[in-house]
Amino acid sequence: MTNRQVLLIIAVFVVLTLGSFIWYIATWDSRKGTDQTTLIILPEILPPEAPALATGTML
């Protein structure tokens, strides 16, 4: 590959990346998804290799 081909591939990648980001921002609806909540479920029983700070035995 020549230097010109490599630069062309890099330029195409950058244009596609920026284009997809601009498309995402342009079509983003801030009201869509406001009723969704994110739920993180943490295990109540930690594995034995868990650090002492996580298990609460360090206090």
PDB file of N, CA and C in Angstrom:
ATOM      1  N   MET A   1       0.832  -1.190   0.000  1.00  0.00           N
ATOM      2  CA  MET A   1       0.000   0.000   0.000  1.00  0.00           C
ATOM      3  C   MET A   1       0.873   1.248   0.000  1.00  0.00           C
ATOM      4  N   THR A   2       0.424   2.200  -0.712  1.00  0.00           N
ATOM      5  CA  THR A   2       1.171   3.450  -0.740  1.00  0.00           C
ATOM      6  C   THR A   2       0.697   4.345   0.399  1.00  0.00           C
ATOM      7  N   ASN A   3       1.456   5.390   0.650  1.00  0.00           N
ATOM      8  CA  ASN A   3       1.075   6.334   1.694  1.00  0.00           C
ATOM      9  C   ASN A   3      -0.266   6.992   1.388  1.00  0.00           C
ATOM     10  N   ARG A   4      -0.515   7.236   0.126  1.00  0.00           N
ATOM     11  CA  ARG A   4      -1.773   7.873  -0.274  1.00  0.00           C
ATOM     12  C   ARG A   4      -2.971   6.974   0.052  1.00  0.00           C
ATOM     13  N   GLN A   5      -2.848   5.669  -0.169  1.00  0.00           N
ATOM     14  CA  GLN A   5      -3.919   4.729   0.129  1.00  0.00           C
ATOM     15  C   GLN A   5      -4.176   4.640   1.637  1.00  0.00           C
ATOM     16  N   VAL A   6      -3.107   4.624   2.413  1.00  0.00           N
ATOM     17  CA  VAL A   6      -3.247   4.568   3.872  1.00  0.00           C
ATOM     18  C   VAL A   6      -3.943   5.821   4.373  1.00  0.00           C
ATOM     19  N   LEU A   7      -3.541   6.961   3.877  1.00  0.00           N
ATOM     20  CA  LEU A   7      -4.180   8.211   4.296  1.00  0.00           C
ATOM     21  C   LEU A   7      -5.640   8.254   3.864  1.00  0.00           C
ATOM     22  N   LEU A   8      -5.952   7.708   2.697  1.00  0.00           N
ATOM     23  CA  LEU A   8      -7.332   7.656   2.237  1.00  0.00           C
ATOM     24  C   LEU A   8      -8.174   6.751   3.135  1.00  0.00           C
ATOM     25  N   ILE A   9      -7.644   5.621   3.546  1.00  0.00           N
ATOM     26  CA  ILE A   9      -8.355   4.715   4.456  1.00  0.00           C
ATOM     27  C   ILE A   9      -8.592   5.394   5.800  1.00  0.00           C
ATOM     28  N   ILE A  10      -7.590   6.078   6.316  1.00  0.00           N
ATOM     29  CA  ILE A  10      -7.735   6.788   7.587  1.00  0.00           C
ATOM     30  C   ILE A  10      -8.784   7.892   7.457  1.00  0.00           C
ATOM     31  N   ALA A  11      -8.753   8.628   6.354  1.00  0.00           N
ATOM     32  CA  ALA A  11      -9.718   9.702   6.140  1.00  0.00           C
ATOM     33  C   ALA A  11     -11.144   9.161   6.051  1.00  0.00           C
ATOM     34  N   VAL A  12     -11.329   8.034   5.369  1.00  0.00           N
ATOM     35  CA  VAL A  12     -12.652   7.423   5.261  1.00  0.00           C
ATOM     36  C   VAL A  12     -13.142   6.996   6.641  1.00  0.00           C
ATOM     37  N   PHE A  13     -12.267   6.413   7.442  1.00  0.00           N
ATOM     38  CA  PHE A  13     -12.634   5.998   8.793  1.00  0.00           C
ATOM     39  C   PHE A  13     -13.057   7.193   9.641  1.00  0.00           C
ATOM     40  N   VAL A  14     -12.294   8.268   9.578  1.00  0.00           N
ATOM     41  CA  VAL A  14     -12.611   9.464  10.363  1.00  0.00           C
ATOM     42  C   VAL A  14     -13.946  10.061   9.907  1.00  0.00           C
ATOM     43  N   VAL A  15     -14.168  10.132   8.605  1.00  0.00           N
ATOM     44  CA  VAL A  15     -15.415  10.691   8.085  1.00  0.00           C
ATOM     45  C   VAL A  15     -16.604   9.834   8.514  1.00  0.00           C
ATOM     46  N   LEU A  16     -16.486   8.518   8.441  1.00  0.00           N
ATOM     47  CA  LEU A  16     -17.578   7.641   8.871  1.00  0.00           C
ATOM     48  C   LEU A  16     -17.839   7.753  10.364  1.00  0.00           C
ATOM     49  N   THR A  17     -16.787   7.841  11.152  1.00  0.00           N
ATOM     50  CA  THR A  17     -16.946   7.964  12.605  1.00  0.00           C
ATOM     51  C   THR A  17     -17.622   9.277  12.964  1.00  0.00           C
ATOM     52  N   LEU A  18     -17.130  10.375  12.416  1.00  0.00           N
ATOM     53  CA  LEU A  18     -17.745  11.672  12.698  1.00  0.00           C
ATOM     54  C   LEU A  18     -19.165  11.751  12.149  1.00  0.00           C
ATOM     55  N   GLY A  19     -19.389  11.174  10.990  1.00  0.00           N
ATOM     56  CA  GLY A  19     -20.722  11.178  10.406  1.00  0.00           C
ATOM     57  C   GLY A  19     -21.724  10.413  11.253  1.00  0.00           C
ATOM     58  N   SER A  20     -21.324   9.263  11.767  1.00  0.00           N
ATOM     59  CA  SER A  20     -22.246   8.496  12.602  1.00  0.00           C
ATOM     60  C   SER A  20     -22.509   9.213  13.924  1.00  0.00           C
ATOM     61  N   PHE A  21     -21.506   9.894  14.465  1.00  0.00           N
ATOM     62  CA  PHE A  21     -21.700  10.652  15.695  1.00  0.00           C
ATOM     63  C   PHE A  21     -22.654  11.818  15.457  1.00  0.00           C
ATOM     64  N   ILE A  22     -22.476  12.539  14.373  1.00  0.00           N
ATOM     65  CA  ILE A  22     -23.364  13.666  14.043  1.00  0.00           C
ATOM     66  C   ILE A  22     -24.782  13.152  13.805  1.00  0.00           C
ATOM     67  N   TRP A  23     -24.932  12.013  13.131  1.00  0.00           N
ATOM     68  CA  TRP A  23     -26.253  11.437  12.907  1.00  0.00           C
ATOM     69  C   TRP A  23     -26.911  11.072  14.235  1.00  0.00           C
ATOM     70  N   TYR A  24     -26.153  10.500  15.152  1.00  0.00           N
ATOM     71  CA  TYR A  24     -26.678  10.134  16.470  1.00  0.00           C
ATOM     72  C   TYR A  24     -27.174  11.371  17.215  1.00  0.00           C
ATOM     73  N   ILE A  25     -26.394  12.442  17.221  1.00  0.00           N
ATOM     74  CA  ILE A  25     -26.780  13.670  17.915  1.00  0.00           C
ATOM     75  C   ILE A  25     -27.989  14.310  17.229  1.00  0.00           C
ATOM     76  N   ALA A  26     -28.011  14.309  15.905  1.00  0.00           N
ATOM     77  CA  ALA A  26     -29.100  14.951  15.172  1.00  0.00           C
ATOM     78  C   ALA A  26     -30.429  14.232  15.366  1.00  0.00           C
ATOM     79  N   THR A  27     -30.403  12.928  15.547  1.00  0.00           N
ATOM     80  CA  THR A  27     -31.644  12.159  15.679  1.00  0.00           C
ATOM     81  C   THR A  27     -31.965  11.807  17.120  1.00  0.00           C
ATOM     82  N   TRP A  28     -31.199  12.309  18.066  1.00  0.00           N
ATOM     83  CA  TRP A  28     -31.391  11.982  19.480  1.00  0.00           C
ATOM     84  C   TRP A  28     -32.606  12.711  20.025  1.00  0.00           C
ATOM     85  N   ASP A  29     -33.475  11.989  20.696  1.00  0.00           N
ATOM     86  CA  ASP A  29     -34.662  12.568  21.322  1.00  0.00           C
ATOM     87  C   ASP A  29     -34.507  12.434  22.832  1.00  0.00           C
ATOM     88  N   SER A  30     -34.344  13.555  23.509  1.00  0.00           N
ATOM     89  CA  SER A  30     -34.090  13.516  24.952  1.00  0.00           C
ATOM     90  C   SER A  30     -35.313  13.050  25.733  1.00  0.00           C
ATOM     91  N   ARG A  31     -36.499  13.185  25.170  1.00  0.00           N
ATOM     92  CA  ARG A  31     -37.712  12.742  25.871  1.00  0.00           C
ATOM     93  C   ARG A  31     -37.903  11.242  25.779  1.00  0.00           C
ATOM     94  N   LYS A  32     -37.287  10.619  24.813  1.00  0.00           N
ATOM     95  CA  LYS A  32     -37.407   9.179  24.633  1.00  0.00           C
ATOM     96  C   LYS A  32     -36.513   8.482  25.658  1.00  0.00           C
ATOM     97  N   GLY A  33     -37.084   7.701  26.501  1.00  0.00           N
ATOM     98  CA  GLY A  33     -36.287   6.963  27.464  1.00  0.00           C
ATOM     99  C   GLY A  33     -36.253   7.592  28.831  1.00  0.00           C
ATOM    100  N   THR A  34     -36.987   8.676  29.077  1.00  0.00           N
ATOM    101  CA  THR A  34     -36.965   9.283  30.406  1.00  0.00           C
ATOM    102  C   THR A  34     -37.722   8.431  31.416  1.00  0.00           C
ATOM    103  N   ASP A  35     -38.597   7.543  30.941  1.00  0.00           N
ATOM    104  CA  ASP A  35     -39.337   6.697  31.855  1.00  0.00           C
ATOM    105  C   ASP A  35     -38.586   5.408  32.183  1.00  0.00           C
ATOM    106  N   GLN A  36     -37.464   5.186  31.550  1.00  0.00           N
ATOM    107  CA  GLN A  36     -36.680   3.992  31.809  1.00  0.00           C
ATOM    108  C   GLN A  36     -35.737   4.235  32.978  1.00  0.00           C
ATOM    109  N   THR A  37     -35.642   3.266  33.850  1.00  0.00           N
ATOM    110  CA  THR A  37     -34.701   3.353  34.957  1.00  0.00           C
ATOM    111  C   THR A  37     -33.634   2.290  34.784  1.00  0.00           C
ATOM    112  N   THR A  38     -32.479   2.572  35.292  1.00  0.00           N
ATOM    113  CA  THR A  38     -31.392   1.621  35.242  1.00  0.00           C
ATOM    114  C   THR A  38     -31.308   0.926  36.591  1.00  0.00           C
ATOM    115  N   LEU A  39     -31.353  -0.377  36.581  1.00  0.00           N
ATOM    116  CA  LEU A  39     -31.328  -1.155  37.800  1.00  0.00           C
ATOM    117  C   LEU A  39     -30.032  -1.943  37.847  1.00  0.00           C
ATOM    118  N   ILE A  40     -29.301  -1.760  38.913  1.00  0.00           N
ATOM    119  CA  ILE A  40     -28.061  -2.504  39.110  1.00  0.00           C
ATOM    120  C   ILE A  40     -28.286  -3.453  40.281  1.00  0.00           C
ATOM    121  N   ILE A  41     -28.173  -4.731  40.020  1.00  0.00           N
ATOM    122  CA  ILE A  41     -28.371  -5.728  41.065  1.00  0.00           C
ATOM    123  C   ILE A  41     -26.997  -6.211  41.516  1.00  0.00           C
ATOM    124  N   LEU A  42     -26.694  -5.968  42.773  1.00  0.00           N
ATOM    125  CA  LEU A  42     -25.421  -6.412  43.332  1.00  0.00           C
ATOM    126  C   LEU A  42     -25.643  -7.694  44.117  1.00  0.00           C
ATOM    127  N   PRO A  43     -24.719  -8.614  44.053  1.00  0.00           N
ATOM    128  CA  PRO A  43     -24.894  -9.861  44.801  1.00  0.00           C
ATOM    129  C   PRO A  43     -24.786  -9.609  46.306  1.00  0.00           C
ATOM    130  N   GLU A  44     -25.648 -10.276  47.073  1.00  0.00           N
ATOM    131  CA  GLU A  44     -25.607 -10.120  48.517  1.00  0.00           C
ATOM    132  C   GLU A  44     -24.482 -10.942  49.128  1.00  0.00           C
ATOM    133  N   ILE A  45     -24.174 -12.064  48.519  1.00  0.00           N
ATOM    134  CA  ILE A  45     -23.099 -12.918  49.013  1.00  0.00           C
ATOM    135  C   ILE A  45     -21.902 -12.736  48.090  1.00  0.00           C
ATOM    136  N   LEU A  46     -20.827 -12.225  48.641  1.00  0.00           N
ATOM    137  CA  LEU A  46     -19.627 -11.985  47.850  1.00  0.00           C
ATOM    138  C   LEU A  46     -18.758 -13.230  47.853  1.00  0.00           C
ATOM    139  N   PRO A  47     -17.998 -13.434  46.806  1.00  0.00           N
ATOM    140  CA  PRO A  47     -17.099 -14.587  46.779  1.00  0.00           C
ATOM    141  C   PRO A  47     -16.012 -14.447  47.832  1.00  0.00           C
ATOM    142  N   PRO A  48     -15.411 -15.539  48.246  1.00  0.00           N
ATOM    143  CA  PRO A  48     -14.392 -15.484  49.299  1.00  0.00           C
ATOM    144  C   PRO A  48     -13.180 -14.626  48.939  1.00  0.00           C
ATOM    145  N   GLU A  49     -12.903 -14.437  47.674  1.00  0.00           N
ATOM    146  CA  GLU A  49     -11.731 -13.658  47.280  1.00  0.00           C
ATOM    147  C   GLU A  49     -12.030 -12.166  47.249  1.00  0.00           C
ATOM    148  N   ALA A  50     -13.224 -11.756  47.677  1.00  0.00           N
ATOM    149  CA  ALA A  50     -13.575 -10.345  47.693  1.00  0.00           C
ATOM    150  C   ALA A  50     -12.692  -9.609  48.707  1.00  0.00           C
ATOM    151  N   PRO A  51     -12.309  -8.362  48.398  1.00  0.00           N
ATOM    152  CA  PRO A  51     -11.469  -7.620  49.336  1.00  0.00           C
ATOM    153  C   PRO A  51     -12.206  -7.325  50.646  1.00  0.00           C
ATOM    154  N   ALA A  52     -11.438  -7.126  51.717  1.00  0.00           N
ATOM    155  CA  ALA A  52     -12.006  -6.916  53.034  1.00  0.00           C
ATOM    156  C   ALA A  52     -12.873  -5.654  53.072  1.00  0.00           C
ATOM    157  N   LEU A  53     -12.516  -4.644  52.300  1.00  0.00           N
ATOM    158  CA  LEU A  53     -13.298  -3.410  52.280  1.00  0.00           C
ATOM    159  C   LEU A  53     -14.697  -3.658  51.718  1.00  0.00           C
ATOM    160  N   ALA A  54     -14.805  -4.544  50.728  1.00  0.00           N
ATOM    161  CA  ALA A  54     -16.099  -4.844  50.126  1.00  0.00           C
ATOM    162  C   ALA A  54     -16.975  -5.661  51.066  1.00  0.00           C
ATOM    163  N   THR A  55     -16.371  -6.503  51.871  1.00  0.00           N
ATOM    164  CA  THR A  55     -17.169  -7.356  52.769  1.00  0.00           C
ATOM    165  C   THR A  55     -17.540  -6.643  54.055  1.00  0.00           C
ATOM    166  N   GLY A  56     -16.902  -5.516  54.345  1.00  0.00           N
ATOM    167  CA  GLY A  56     -17.239  -4.772  55.547  1.00  0.00           C
ATOM    168  C   GLY A  56     -16.523  -5.264  56.799  1.00  0.00           C
ATOM    169  N   THR A  57     -15.597  -6.194  56.657  1.00  0.00           N
ATOM    170  CA  THR A  57     -14.892  -6.728  57.833  1.00  0.00           C
ATOM    171  C   THR A  57     -13.714  -5.864  58.223  1.00  0.00           C
ATOM    172  N   MET A  58     -13.418  -4.864  57.432  1.00  0.00           N
ATOM    173  CA  MET A  58     -12.263  -4.019  57.731  1.00  0.00           C
ATOM    174  C   MET A  58     -12.620  -2.938  58.749  1.00  0.00           C
ATOM    175  N   LEU A  59     -13.889  -2.697  58.976  1.00  0.00           N
ATOM    176  CA  LEU A  59     -14.307  -1.635  59.882  1.00  0.00           C
ATOM    177  C   LEU A  59     -14.082  -1.983  61.298  1.00  0.00           C
TER     178      LEU A  59
END
